[in-house]
PDB file of N, CA and C in Angstrom:
ATOM      1  N   MET A   1      34.904  54.364  10.592  1.00  0.00           N
ATOM      2  CA  MET A   1      35.529  53.323   9.789  1.00  0.00           C
ATOM      3  C   MET A   1      35.140  51.939  10.297  1.00  0.00           C
ATOM      4  N   ASN A   2      35.036  51.810  11.620  1.00  0.00           N
ATOM      5  CA  ASN A   2      34.684  50.525  12.195  1.00  0.00           C
ATOM      6  C   ASN A   2      33.258  50.118  11.810  1.00  0.00           C
ATOM      7  N   MET A   3      32.342  51.080  11.831  1.00  0.00           N
ATOM      8  CA  MET A   3      30.954  50.786  11.449  1.00  0.00           C
ATOM      9  C   MET A   3      30.870  50.458   9.960  1.00  0.00           C
ATOM     10  N   PHE A   4      31.695  51.101   9.156  1.00  0.00           N
ATOM     11  CA  PHE A   4      31.725  50.812   7.721  1.00  0.00           C
ATOM     12  C   PHE A   4      32.111  49.354   7.478  1.00  0.00           C
ATOM     13  N   LYS A   5      33.105  48.863   8.220  1.00  0.00           N
ATOM     14  CA  LYS A   5      33.520  47.461   8.091  1.00  0.00           C
ATOM     15  C   LYS A   5      32.397  46.514   8.498  1.00  0.00           C
ATOM     16  N   ARG A   6      31.675  46.879   9.546  1.00  0.00           N
ATOM     17  CA  ARG A   6      30.550  46.045   9.992  1.00  0.00           C
ATOM     18  C   ARG A   6      29.458  45.985   8.933  1.00  0.00           C
ATOM     19  N   ILE A   7      29.163  47.119   8.323  1.00  0.00           N
ATOM     20  CA  ILE A   7      28.121  47.152   7.290  1.00  0.00           C
ATOM     21  C   ILE A   7      28.540  46.328   6.079  1.00  0.00           C
ATOM     22  N   ILE A   8      29.787  46.483   5.646  1.00  0.00           N
ATOM     23  CA  ILE A   8      30.280  45.706   4.500  1.00  0.00           C
ATOM     24  C   ILE A   8      30.260  44.214   4.822  1.00  0.00           C
ATOM     25  N   SER A   9      30.669  43.846   6.036  1.00  0.00           N
ATOM     26  CA  SER A   9      30.641  42.440   6.444  1.00  0.00           C
ATOM     27  C   SER A   9      29.215  41.904   6.472  1.00  0.00           C
ATOM     28  N   ALA A  10      28.287  42.697   6.976  1.00  0.00           N
ATOM     29  CA  ALA A  10      26.889  42.273   7.042  1.00  0.00           C
ATOM     30  C   ALA A  10      26.296  42.120   5.644  1.00  0.00           C
ATOM     31  N   ILE A  11      26.615  43.032   4.737  1.00  0.00           N
ATOM     32  CA  ILE A  11      26.128  42.929   3.358  1.00  0.00           C
ATOM     33  C   ILE A  11      26.681  41.678   2.696  1.00  0.00           C
ATOM     34  N   THR A  12      27.974  41.426   2.883  1.00  0.00           N
ATOM     35  CA  THR A  12      28.602  40.251   2.278  1.00  0.00           C
ATOM     36  C   THR A  12      27.990  38.967   2.815  1.00  0.00           C
ATOM     37  N   LEU A  13      27.858  38.872   4.131  1.00  0.00           N
ATOM     38  CA  LEU A  13      27.276  37.675   4.736  1.00  0.00           C
ATOM     39  C   LEU A  13      25.834  37.478   4.289  1.00  0.00           C
ATOM     40  N   SER A  14      25.065  38.543   4.225  1.00  0.00           N
ATOM     41  CA  SER A  14      23.666  38.453   3.805  1.00  0.00           C
ATOM     42  C   SER A  14      23.556  38.000   2.358  1.00  0.00           C
ATOM     43  N   PHE A  15      24.411  38.529   1.504  1.00  0.00           N
ATOM     44  CA  PHE A  15      24.400  38.137   0.092  1.00  0.00           C
ATOM     45  C   PHE A  15      24.734  36.659  -0.061  1.00  0.00           C
ATOM     46  N   ILE A  16      25.770  36.209   0.645  1.00  0.00           N
ATOM     47  CA  ILE A  16      26.175  34.803   0.548  1.00  0.00           C
ATOM     48  C   ILE A  16      25.076  33.887   1.079  1.00  0.00           C
ATOM     49  N   LEU A  17      24.493  34.225   2.226  1.00  0.00           N
ATOM     50  CA  LEU A  17      23.433  33.388   2.792  1.00  0.00           C
ATOM     51  C   LEU A  17      22.196  33.350   1.900  1.00  0.00           C
ATOM     52  N   THR A  18      21.842  34.474   1.302  1.00  0.00           N
ATOM     53  CA  THR A  18      20.698  34.503   0.389  1.00  0.00           C
ATOM     54  C   THR A  18      20.966  33.643  -0.838  1.00  0.00           C
ATOM     55  N   ALA A  19      22.170  33.720  -1.386  1.00  0.00           N
ATOM     56  CA  ALA A  19      22.521  32.901  -2.549  1.00  0.00           C
ATOM     57  C   ALA A  19      22.510  31.418  -2.207  1.00  0.00           C
ATOM     58  N   VAL A  20      23.037  31.063  -1.044  1.00  0.00           N
ATOM     59  CA  VAL A  20      23.049  29.656  -0.628  1.00  0.00           C
ATOM     60  C   VAL A  20      21.626  29.151  -0.412  1.00  0.00           C
ATOM     61  N   LEU A  21      20.787  29.951   0.242  1.00  0.00           N
ATOM     62  CA  LEU A  21      19.390  29.557   0.446  1.00  0.00           C
ATOM     63  C   LEU A  21      18.664  29.357  -0.880  1.00  0.00           C
ATOM     64  N   THR A  22      18.887  30.253  -1.819  1.00  0.00           N
ATOM     65  CA  THR A  22      18.235  30.161  -3.123  1.00  0.00           C
ATOM     66  C   THR A  22      18.693  28.923  -3.876  1.00  0.00           C
ATOM     67  N   ALA A  23      19.992  28.690  -3.928  1.00  0.00           N
ATOM     68  CA  ALA A  23      20.521  27.519  -4.636  1.00  0.00           C
ATOM     69  C   ALA A  23      20.069  26.226  -3.973  1.00  0.00           C
ATOM     70  N   ALA A  24      20.095  26.185  -2.653  1.00  0.00           N
ATOM     71  CA  ALA A  24      19.660  24.981  -1.945  1.00  0.00           C
ATOM     72  C   ALA A  24      18.183  24.701  -2.188  1.00  0.00           C
ATOM     73  N   THR A  25      17.373  25.738  -2.240  1.00  0.00           N
ATOM     74  CA  THR A  25      15.944  25.555  -2.492  1.00  0.00           C
ATOM     75  C   THR A  25      15.700  24.983  -3.882  1.00  0.00           C
ATOM     76  N   VAL A  26      16.395  25.493  -4.884  1.00  0.00           N
ATOM     77  CA  VAL A  26      16.227  24.975  -6.248  1.00  0.00           C
ATOM     78  C   VAL A  26      16.668  23.514  -6.315  1.00  0.00           C
ATOM     79  N   ILE A  27      17.780  23.187  -5.671  1.00  0.00           N
ATOM     80  CA  ILE A  27      18.260  21.802  -5.681  1.00  0.00           C
ATOM     81  C   ILE A  27      17.272  20.891  -4.963  1.00  0.00           C
ATOM     82  N   ILE A  28      16.733  21.340  -3.845  1.00  0.00           N
ATOM     83  CA  ILE A  28      15.741  20.543  -3.127  1.00  0.00           C
ATOM     84  C   ILE A  28      14.497  20.348  -3.978  1.00  0.00           C
ATOM     85  N   LEU A  29      14.052  21.395  -4.662  1.00  0.00           N
ATOM     86  CA  LEU A  29      12.886  21.263  -5.544  1.00  0.00           C
ATOM     87  C   LEU A  29      13.151  20.265  -6.665  1.00  0.00           C
ATOM     88  N   MET A  30      14.373  20.240  -7.180  1.00  0.00           N
ATOM     89  CA  MET A  30      14.714  19.314  -8.261  1.00  0.00           C
ATOM     90  C   MET A  30      14.583  17.863  -7.825  1.00  0.00           C
ATOM     91  N   PHE A  31      15.063  17.568  -6.633  1.00  0.00           N
ATOM     92  CA  PHE A  31      15.184  16.176  -6.236  1.00  0.00           C
ATOM     93  C   PHE A  31      14.069  15.662  -5.337  1.00  0.00           C
ATOM     94  N   THR A  32      13.190  16.507  -4.851  1.00  0.00           N
ATOM     95  CA  THR A  32      12.126  16.021  -3.972  1.00  0.00           C
ATOM     96  C   THR A  32      10.798  15.824  -4.686  1.00  0.00           C
ATOM     97  N   LYS A  33      10.659  16.315  -5.873  1.00  0.00           N
ATOM     98  CA  LYS A  33       9.379  16.202  -6.576  1.00  0.00           C
ATOM     99  C   LYS A  33       9.259  14.914  -7.377  1.00  0.00           C
ATOM    100  N   GLY A  34      10.309  14.127  -7.442  1.00  0.00           N
ATOM    101  CA  GLY A  34      10.240  12.838  -8.130  1.00  0.00           C
ATOM    102  C   GLY A  34       9.885  12.984  -9.594  1.00  0.00           C
ATOM    103  N   ARG A  35       8.896  12.241 -10.022  1.00  0.00           N
ATOM    104  CA  ARG A  35       8.488  12.256 -11.423  1.00  0.00           C
ATOM    105  C   ARG A  35       7.385  13.272 -11.706  1.00  0.00           C
ATOM    106  N   GLU A  36       7.033  14.078 -10.732  1.00  0.00           N
ATOM    107  CA  GLU A  36       5.986  15.080 -10.938  1.00  0.00           C
ATOM    108  C   GLU A  36       6.460  16.138 -11.929  1.00  0.00           C
ATOM    109  N   MET A  37       5.701  16.325 -12.969  1.00  0.00           N
ATOM    110  CA  MET A  37       6.011  17.369 -13.945  1.00  0.00           C
ATOM    111  C   MET A  37       5.268  18.640 -13.548  1.00  0.00           C
ATOM    112  N   GLY A  38       5.741  19.751 -14.036  1.00  0.00           N
ATOM    113  CA  GLY A  38       5.071  21.017 -13.774  1.00  0.00           C
ATOM    114  C   GLY A  38       5.982  22.014 -13.101  1.00  0.00           C
ATOM    115  N   ARG A  39       5.374  23.087 -12.669  1.00  0.00           N
ATOM    116  CA  ARG A  39       6.110  24.197 -12.059  1.00  0.00           C
ATOM    117  C   ARG A  39       5.963  24.091 -10.544  1.00  0.00           C
ATOM    118  N   HIS A  40       7.094  24.089  -9.843  1.00  0.00           N
ATOM    119  CA  HIS A  40       7.103  23.978  -8.393  1.00  0.00           C
ATOM    120  C   HIS A  40       7.796  25.205  -7.811  1.00  0.00           C
ATOM    121  N   LEU A  41       7.155  25.800  -6.799  1.00  0.00           N
ATOM    122  CA  LEU A  41       7.687  27.009  -6.166  1.00  0.00           C
ATOM    123  C   LEU A  41       8.323  26.672  -4.827  1.00  0.00           C
ATOM    124  N   GLY A  42       9.338  27.452  -4.457  1.00  0.00           N
ATOM    125  CA  GLY A  42       9.992  27.269  -3.170  1.00  0.00           C
ATOM    126  C   GLY A  42      10.482  28.592  -2.619  1.00  0.00           C
ATOM    127  N   LEU A  43      10.958  28.555  -1.382  1.00  0.00           N
ATOM    128  CA  LEU A  43      11.469  29.731  -0.672  1.00  0.00           C
ATOM    129  C   LEU A  43      10.422  30.849  -0.668  1.00  0.00           C
ATOM    130  N   PHE A  44       9.250  30.496  -0.142  1.00  0.00           N
ATOM    131  CA  PHE A  44       8.130  31.426  -0.027  1.00  0.00           C
ATOM    132  C   PHE A  44       7.658  31.946  -1.382  1.00  0.00           C
ATOM    133  N   GLY A  45       7.796  31.125  -2.402  1.00  0.00           N
ATOM    134  CA  GLY A  45       7.329  31.503  -3.728  1.00  0.00           C
ATOM    135  C   GLY A  45       8.282  32.381  -4.512  1.00  0.00           C
ATOM    136  N   SER A  46       9.526  32.468  -4.088  1.00  0.00           N
ATOM    137  CA  SER A  46      10.453  33.362  -4.780  1.00  0.00           C
ATOM    138  C   SER A  46      11.223  32.683  -5.905  1.00  0.00           C
ATOM    139  N   VAL A  47      11.415  31.366  -5.849  1.00  0.00           N
ATOM    140  CA  VAL A  47      12.117  30.646  -6.914  1.00  0.00           C
ATOM    141  C   VAL A  47      11.221  29.525  -7.428  1.00  0.00           C
ATOM    142  N   PHE A  48      11.454  29.117  -8.678  1.00  0.00           N
ATOM    143  CA  PHE A  48      10.659  28.035  -9.244  1.00  0.00           C
ATOM    144  C   PHE A  48      11.557  27.033  -9.942  1.00  0.00           C
ATOM    145  N   PHE A  49      11.038  25.815 -10.041  1.00  0.00           N
ATOM    146  CA  PHE A  49      11.659  24.760 -10.829  1.00  0.00           C
ATOM    147  C   PHE A  49      10.567  24.214 -11.732  1.00  0.00           C
ATOM    148  N   ASP A  50      10.826  24.192 -13.025  1.00  0.00           N
ATOM    149  CA  ASP A  50       9.826  23.786 -14.009  1.00  0.00           C
ATOM    150  C   ASP A  50      10.352  22.587 -14.791  1.00  0.00           C
ATOM    151  N   ALA A  51       9.556  21.522 -14.841  1.00  0.00           N
ATOM    152  CA  ALA A  51       9.913  20.340 -15.625  1.00  0.00           C
ATOM    153  C   ALA A  51       8.688  19.934 -16.437  1.00  0.00           C
ATOM    154  N   HIS A  52       8.883  19.774 -17.744  1.00  0.00           N
ATOM    155  CA  HIS A  52       7.784  19.316 -18.585  1.00  0.00           C
ATOM    156  C   HIS A  52       8.345  18.481 -19.730  1.00  0.00           C
ATOM    157  N   GLU A  53       7.489  17.598 -20.233  1.00  0.00           N
ATOM    158  CA  GLU A  53       7.896  16.710 -21.317  1.00  0.00           C
ATOM    159  C   GLU A  53       7.558  17.356 -22.654  1.00  0.00           C
ATOM    160  N   THR A  54       8.508  17.297 -23.575  1.00  0.00           N
ATOM    161  CA  THR A  54       8.294  17.866 -24.903  1.00  0.00           C
ATOM    162  C   THR A  54       7.596  16.847 -25.786  1.00  0.00           C
ATOM    163  N   SER A  55       7.217  17.277 -26.973  1.00  0.00           N
ATOM    164  CA  SER A  55       6.528  16.379 -27.905  1.00  0.00           C
ATOM    165  C   SER A  55       7.438  15.257 -28.390  1.00  0.00           C
ATOM    166  N   SER A  56       8.742  15.464 -28.352  1.00  0.00           N
ATOM    167  CA  SER A  56       9.670  14.422 -28.799  1.00  0.00           C
ATOM    168  C   SER A  56       9.993  13.422 -27.693  1.00  0.00           C
ATOM    169  N   GLY A  57       9.454  13.632 -26.495  1.00  0.00           N
ATOM    170  CA  GLY A  57       9.662  12.693 -25.407  1.00  0.00           C
ATOM    171  C   GLY A  57      10.769  13.075 -24.448  1.00  0.00           C
ATOM    172  N   SER A  58      11.512  14.098 -24.762  1.00  0.00           N
ATOM    173  CA  SER A  58      12.567  14.526 -23.835  1.00  0.00           C
ATOM    174  C   SER A  58      11.964  15.422 -22.751  1.00  0.00           C
ATOM    175  N   ILE A  59      12.703  15.579 -21.690  1.00  0.00           N
ATOM    176  CA  ILE A  59      12.224  16.389 -20.571  1.00  0.00           C
ATOM    177  C   ILE A  59      12.993  17.708 -20.550  1.00  0.00           C
ATOM    178  N   MET A  60      12.258  18.781 -20.575  1.00  0.00           N
ATOM    179  CA  MET A  60      12.843  20.124 -20.492  1.00  0.00           C
ATOM    180  C   MET A  60      12.718  20.613 -19.051  1.00  0.00           C
ATOM    181  N   VAL A  61      13.796  21.148 -18.525  1.00  0.00           N
ATOM    182  CA  VAL A  61      13.772  21.681 -17.165  1.00  0.00           C
ATOM    183  C   VAL A  61      14.240  23.134 -17.186  1.00  0.00           C
ATOM    184  N   GLY A  62      13.769  23.867 -16.221  1.00  0.00           N
ATOM    185  CA  GLY A  62      14.180  25.255 -16.079  1.00  0.00           C
ATOM    186  C   GLY A  62      13.973  25.707 -14.648  1.00  0.00           C
ATOM    187  N   PHE A  63      14.683  26.731 -14.270  1.00  0.00           N
ATOM    188  CA  PHE A  63      14.514  27.299 -12.942  1.00  0.00           C
ATOM    189  C   PHE A  63      14.803  28.786 -13.018  1.00  0.00           C
ATOM    190  N   GLY A  64      14.306  29.510 -12.039  1.00  0.00           N
ATOM    191  CA  GLY A  64      14.531  30.949 -12.035  1.00  0.00           C
ATOM    192  C   GLY A  64      13.807  31.631 -10.895  1.00  0.00           C
ATOM    193  N   LEU A  65      13.734  32.957 -10.993  1.00  0.00           N
ATOM    194  CA  LEU A  65      13.078  33.762  -9.968  1.00  0.00           C
ATOM    195  C   LEU A  65      11.613  33.963 -10.317  1.00  0.00           C
ATOM    196  N   GLN A  66      10.758  33.672  -9.386  1.00  0.00           N
ATOM    197  CA  GLN A  66       9.330  33.921  -9.542  1.00  0.00           C
ATOM    198  C   GLN A  66       8.987  35.307  -8.997  1.00  0.00           C
ATOM    199  N   ASN A  67       9.519  35.626  -7.819  1.00  0.00           N
ATOM    200  CA  ASN A  67       9.202  36.890  -7.167  1.00  0.00           C
ATOM    201  C   ASN A  67      10.462  37.446  -6.484  1.00  0.00           C
ATOM    202  N   PRO A  68      11.167  38.372  -7.118  1.00  0.00           N
ATOM    203  CA  PRO A  68      12.408  38.884  -6.524  1.00  0.00           C
ATOM    204  C   PRO A  68      12.194  39.727  -5.265  1.00  0.00           C
ATOM    205  N   TRP A  69      10.986  40.228  -5.042  1.00  0.00           N
ATOM    206  CA  TRP A  69      10.738  41.045  -3.850  1.00  0.00           C
ATOM    207  C   TRP A  69      10.887  40.220  -2.580  1.00  0.00           C
ATOM    208  N   ILE A  70      10.494  38.962  -2.635  1.00  0.00           N
ATOM    209  CA  ILE A  70      10.636  38.101  -1.458  1.00  0.00           C
ATOM    210  C   ILE A  70      12.113  37.875  -1.157  1.00  0.00           C
ATOM    211  N   LEU A  71      12.915  37.664  -2.208  1.00  0.00           N
ATOM    212  CA  LEU A  71      14.359  37.516  -1.998  1.00  0.00           C
ATOM    213  C   LEU A  71      14.958  38.790  -1.415  1.00  0.00           C
ATOM    214  N   THR A  72      14.458  39.930  -1.833  1.00  0.00           N
ATOM    215  CA  THR A  72      14.931  41.201  -1.284  1.00  0.00           C
ATOM    216  C   THR A  72      14.605  41.299   0.203  1.00  0.00           C
ATOM    217  N   LEU A  73      13.400  40.878   0.577  1.00  0.00           N
ATOM    218  CA  LEU A  73      13.024  40.894   1.993  1.00  0.00           C
ATOM    219  C   LEU A  73      13.879  39.926   2.806  1.00  0.00           C
ATOM    220  N   ILE A  74      14.164  38.752   2.241  1.00  0.00           N
ATOM    221  CA  ILE A  74      15.033  37.786   2.921  1.00  0.00           C
ATOM    222  C   ILE A  74      16.425  38.384   3.099  1.00  0.00           C
ATOM    223  N   PHE A  75      16.939  39.019   2.044  1.00  0.00           N
ATOM    224  CA  PHE A  75      18.256  39.667   2.132  1.00  0.00           C
ATOM    225  C   PHE A  75      18.265  40.739   3.217  1.00  0.00           C
ATOM    226  N   LEU A  76      17.228  41.574   3.250  1.00  0.00           N
ATOM    227  CA  LEU A  76      17.180  42.650   4.246  1.00  0.00           C
ATOM    228  C   LEU A  76      17.087  42.099   5.668  1.00  0.00           C
ATOM    229  N   ALA A  77      16.305  41.043   5.860  1.00  0.00           N
ATOM    230  CA  ALA A  77      16.206  40.435   7.189  1.00  0.00           C
ATOM    231  C   ALA A  77      17.554  39.863   7.623  1.00  0.00           C
ATOM    232  N   LEU A  78      18.222  39.164   6.708  1.00  0.00           N
ATOM    233  CA  LEU A  78      19.546  38.627   7.028  1.00  0.00           C
ATOM    234  C   LEU A  78      20.551  39.749   7.284  1.00  0.00           C
ATOM    235  N   PHE A  79      20.420  40.848   6.548  1.00  0.00           N
ATOM    236  CA  PHE A  79      21.311  41.995   6.751  1.00  0.00           C
ATOM    237  C   PHE A  79      21.140  42.582   8.148  1.00  0.00           C
ATOM    238  N   VAL A  80      19.897  42.743   8.575  1.00  0.00           N
ATOM    239  CA  VAL A  80      19.645  43.309   9.907  1.00  0.00           C
ATOM    240  C   VAL A  80      20.223  42.397  10.987  1.00  0.00           C
ATOM    241  N   PHE A  81      19.956  41.093  10.887  1.00  0.00           N
ATOM    242  CA  PHE A  81      20.496  40.161  11.882  1.00  0.00           C
ATOM    243  C   PHE A  81      22.023  40.151  11.871  1.00  0.00           C
ATOM    244  N   SER A  82      22.615  40.192  10.692  1.00  0.00           N
ATOM    245  CA  SER A  82      24.079  40.197  10.590  1.00  0.00           C
ATOM    246  C   SER A  82      24.665  41.472  11.177  1.00  0.00           C
ATOM    247  N   LEU A  83      24.041  42.597  10.882  1.00  0.00           N
ATOM    248  CA  LEU A  83      24.540  43.870  11.403  1.00  0.00           C
ATOM    249  C   LEU A  83      24.447  43.910  12.925  1.00  0.00           C
ATOM    250  N   VAL A  84      23.347  43.424  13.475  1.00  0.00           N
ATOM    251  CA  VAL A  84      23.217  43.357  14.933  1.00  0.00           C
ATOM    252  C   VAL A  84      24.295  42.442  15.511  1.00  0.00           C
ATOM    253  N   PHE A  85      24.516  41.304  14.866  1.00  0.00           N
ATOM    254  CA  PHE A  85      25.544  40.366  15.325  1.00  0.00           C
ATOM    255  C   PHE A  85      26.926  41.007  15.313  1.00  0.00           C
ATOM    256  N   PHE A  86      27.282  41.646  14.195  1.00  0.00           N
ATOM    257  CA  PHE A  86      28.606  42.258  14.089  1.00  0.00           C
ATOM    258  C   PHE A  86      28.756  43.482  14.990  1.00  0.00           C
ATOM    259  N   THR A  87      27.661  44.083  15.408  1.00  0.00           N
ATOM    260  CA  THR A  87      27.719  45.216  16.325  1.00  0.00           C
ATOM    261  C   THR A  87      27.866  44.744  17.772  1.00  0.00           C
ATOM    262  N   ILE A  88      27.178  43.669  18.130  1.00  0.00           N
ATOM    263  CA  ILE A  88      27.202  43.168  19.504  1.00  0.00           C
ATOM    264  C   ILE A  88      28.464  42.364  19.801  1.00  0.00           C
ATOM    265  N   LEU A  89      29.001  41.674  18.817  1.00  0.00           N
ATOM    266  CA  LEU A  89      30.141  40.779  19.033  1.00  0.00           C
ATOM    267  C   LEU A  89      31.345  41.457  19.697  1.00  0.00           C
ATOM    268  N   PRO A  90      31.807  42.627  19.237  1.00  0.00           N
ATOM    269  CA  PRO A  90      32.964  43.253  19.912  1.00  0.00           C
ATOM    270  C   PRO A  90      32.683  43.608  21.378  1.00  0.00           C
ATOM    271  N   ALA A  91      31.464  44.033  21.664  1.00  0.00           N
ATOM    272  CA  ALA A  91      31.120  44.365  23.050  1.00  0.00           C
ATOM    273  C   ALA A  91      31.146  43.111  23.920  1.00  0.00           C
ATOM    274  N   LEU A  92      30.675  42.003  23.401  1.00  0.00           N
ATOM    275  CA  LEU A  92      30.705  40.754  24.160  1.00  0.00           C
ATOM    276  C   LEU A  92      32.134  40.260  24.371  1.00  0.00           C
ATOM    277  N   GLN A  93      32.970  40.419  23.356  1.00  0.00           N
ATOM    278  CA  GLN A  93      34.366  40.016  23.504  1.00  0.00           C
ATOM    279  C   GLN A  93      35.085  40.890  24.532  1.00  0.00           C
ATOM    280  N   LYS A  94      34.786  42.183  24.524  1.00  0.00           N
ATOM    281  CA  LYS A  94      35.380  43.096  25.498  1.00  0.00           C
ATOM    282  C   LYS A  94      34.909  42.729  26.911  1.00  0.00           C
ATOM    283  N   ARG A  95      33.641  42.409  27.043  1.00  0.00           N
ATOM    284  CA  ARG A  95      33.080  42.016  28.346  1.00  0.00           C
ATOM    285  C   ARG A  95      33.728  40.726  28.840  1.00  0.00           C
ATOM    286  N   LYS A  96      33.967  39.781  27.953  1.00  0.00           N
ATOM    287  CA  LYS A  96      34.607  38.519  28.324  1.00  0.00           C
ATOM    288  C   LYS A  96      36.025  38.766  28.832  1.00  0.00           C
ATOM    289  N   LYS A  97      36.770  39.622  28.145  1.00  0.00           N
ATOM    290  CA  LYS A  97      38.133  39.952  28.588  1.00  0.00           C
ATOM    291  C   LYS A  97      38.116  40.622  29.958  1.00  0.00           C
ATOM    292  N   MET A  98      37.131  41.488  30.176  1.00  0.00           N
ATOM    293  CA  MET A  98      37.026  42.177  31.452  1.00  0.00           C
ATOM    294  C   MET A  98      36.724  41.185  32.577  1.00  0.00           C
ATOM    295  N   LEU A  99      35.872  40.211  32.330  1.00  0.00           N
ATOM    296  CA  LEU A  99      35.526  39.228  33.348  1.00  0.00           C
ATOM    297  C   LEU A  99      36.683  38.280  33.644  1.00  0.00           C
ATOM    298  N   GLU A 100      37.513  38.009  32.642  1.00  0.00           N
ATOM    299  CA  GLU A 100      38.649  37.115  32.836  1.00  0.00           C
ATOM    300  C   GLU A 100      39.755  37.782  33.646  1.00  0.00           C
ATOM    301  N   ALA A 101      39.846  39.092  33.568  1.00  0.00           N
ATOM    302  CA  ALA A 101      40.935  39.812  34.258  1.00  0.00           C
ATOM    303  C   ALA A 101      40.672  39.976  35.734  1.00  0.00           C
TER     304      ALA A 101
END
């Protein structure tokens, strides 16, 4: 049961961190390209931001996933690090209590 909680916690943390990284990358792409039109990739080519001018003079923007496999790899890497963290943390806390006593 304890390992199940660690896995669920690691999955949740990995999902949240991946979503934050993806959203932050799209926002950074929006505001760092200035007046450059076109398709811009970020987060190792996994997300894109597209801005182009229409024939009526308005600017159309869009964003989305370019390559979901890279996001999957990022999620898995974050999951492994989170799981290791949640596995080691109780042992370190137990060791700290032992040293204090």
